[in-house]
C-alpha atoms as a PDB file:
ATOM      1  CA  MET A   1      -8.030 -31.879  37.091  1.00  0.00           C
ATOM      2  CA  SER A   2     -10.006 -31.069  34.000  1.00  0.00           C
ATOM      3  CA  GLU A   3      -8.233 -30.839  30.461  1.00  0.00           C
ATOM      4  CA  HIS A   4      -9.018 -27.551  28.481  1.00  0.00           C
ATOM      5  CA  HIS A   5      -8.863 -27.551  24.940  1.00  0.00           C
ATOM      6  CA  GLU A   6      -8.018 -24.952  23.225  1.00  0.00           C
ATOM      7  CA  ALA A   7     -10.230 -23.777  19.807  1.00  0.00           C
ATOM      8  CA  THR A   8      -8.451 -25.306  16.601  1.00  0.00           C
ATOM      9  CA  LYS A   9      -6.903 -22.725  14.291  1.00  0.00           C
ATOM     10  CA  PRO A  10      -6.890 -22.515  11.135  1.00  0.00           C
ATOM     11  CA  ASN A  11      -3.734 -23.668   9.254  1.00  0.00           C
ATOM     12  CA  GLN A  12      -3.779 -20.799   6.773  1.00  0.00           C
ATOM     13  CA  PRO A  13      -3.245 -16.881   8.049  1.00  0.00           C
ATOM     14  CA  GLN A  14      -6.530 -14.860   7.916  1.00  0.00           C
ATOM     15  CA  ARG A  15      -6.343 -12.402   5.183  1.00  0.00           C
ATOM     16  CA  SER A  16      -5.914  -9.035   6.124  1.00  0.00           C
ATOM     17  CA  ARG A  17      -7.541  -6.153   6.025  1.00  0.00           C
ATOM     18  CA  ALA A  18      -6.425  -3.475   3.220  1.00  0.00           C
ATOM     19  CA  VAL A  19      -5.032  -0.148   4.392  1.00  0.00           C
ATOM     20  CA  PHE A  20      -5.185   1.849   1.879  1.00  0.00           C
ATOM     21  CA  SER A  21      -9.173   1.974  -0.687  1.00  0.00           C
ATOM     22  CA  GLN A  22      -9.207   1.853  -4.318  1.00  0.00           C
ATOM     23  CA  GLU A  23      -9.303   5.727  -4.287  1.00  0.00           C
ATOM     24  CA  ASP A  24      -6.485   6.244  -1.638  1.00  0.00           C
ATOM     25  CA  PHE A  25      -4.353   5.098  -4.405  1.00  0.00           C
ATOM     26  CA  GLU A  26      -5.991   7.816  -6.755  1.00  0.00           C
ATOM     27  CA  LEU A  27      -5.403  10.685  -4.447  1.00  0.00           C
ATOM     28  CA  LEU A  28      -2.075   9.173  -3.573  1.00  0.00           C
ATOM     29  CA  ARG A  29      -1.099   9.253  -7.359  1.00  0.00           C
ATOM     30  CA  VAL A  30      -2.804  13.010  -7.848  1.00  0.00           C
ATOM     31  CA  ALA A  31      -0.424  14.114  -5.132  1.00  0.00           C
ATOM     32  CA  ILE A  32       2.794  12.458  -5.993  1.00  0.00           C
ATOM     33  CA  ALA A  33       2.072  13.855  -9.492  1.00  0.00           C
ATOM     34  CA  HIS A  34       2.085  17.421  -8.183  1.00  0.00           C
ATOM     35  CA  TYR A  35       5.214  16.508  -5.738  1.00  0.00           C
ATOM     36  CA  LEU A  36       7.372  15.578  -8.934  1.00  0.00           C
ATOM     37  CA  GLN A  37       6.703  19.046 -10.090  1.00  0.00           C
ATOM     38  CA  GLU A  38       8.383  20.194  -6.633  1.00  0.00           C
ATOM     39  CA  VAL A  39      11.772  18.049  -7.318  1.00  0.00           C
ATOM     40  CA  GLU A  40      11.946  17.994 -10.882  1.00  0.00           C
ATOM     41  CA  GLY A  41      15.604  18.131 -11.976  1.00  0.00           C
ATOM     42  CA  GLN A  42      16.427  16.513  -8.051  1.00  0.00           C
ATOM     43  CA  ARG A  43      18.032  13.214  -7.613  1.00  0.00           C
ATOM     44  CA  GLU A  44      14.774  11.596  -5.658  1.00  0.00           C
ATOM     45  CA  ALA A  45      12.505  12.356  -8.671  1.00  0.00           C
ATOM     46  CA  ILE A  46      13.223   9.041 -10.153  1.00  0.00           C
ATOM     47  CA  LYS A  47      11.878   7.629  -7.337  1.00  0.00           C
ATOM     48  CA  TYR A  48       8.700   9.403  -6.707  1.00  0.00           C
ATOM     49  CA  SER A  49       8.280   8.987 -10.860  1.00  0.00           C
ATOM     50  CA  ASN A  50       8.744   4.984 -10.236  1.00  0.00           C
ATOM     51  CA  LEU A  51       6.447   5.068  -7.120  1.00  0.00           C
ATOM     52  CA  TYR A  52       3.903   7.126  -9.830  1.00  0.00           C
ATOM     53  CA  HIS A  53       3.806   4.889 -12.006  1.00  0.00           C
ATOM     54  CA  ARG A  54       3.484   1.617  -9.600  1.00  0.00           C
ATOM     55  CA  LEU A  55       0.490   3.395  -7.837  1.00  0.00           C
ATOM     56  CA  GLY A  56      -0.941   3.635 -11.498  1.00  0.00           C
ATOM     57  CA  ARG A  57      -0.779  -0.367 -11.850  1.00  0.00           C
ATOM     58  CA  ILE A  58      -2.729  -0.873  -8.743  1.00  0.00           C
ATOM     59  CA  GLY A  59      -5.502   1.335  -9.388  1.00  0.00           C
END
């Protein structure tokens, strides 16, 4: 019988590819800013406002 050796896998996980580009974050931020005007005064506006500010820290 012959032995089959598998290639050694690295111990560290490979870095995943980015899903969004820096430009995408800016586009999302602009879209959310527009949507914030639509939901102004509603309960969910706070969540979108927080998301808007988090996206600003990324880009």
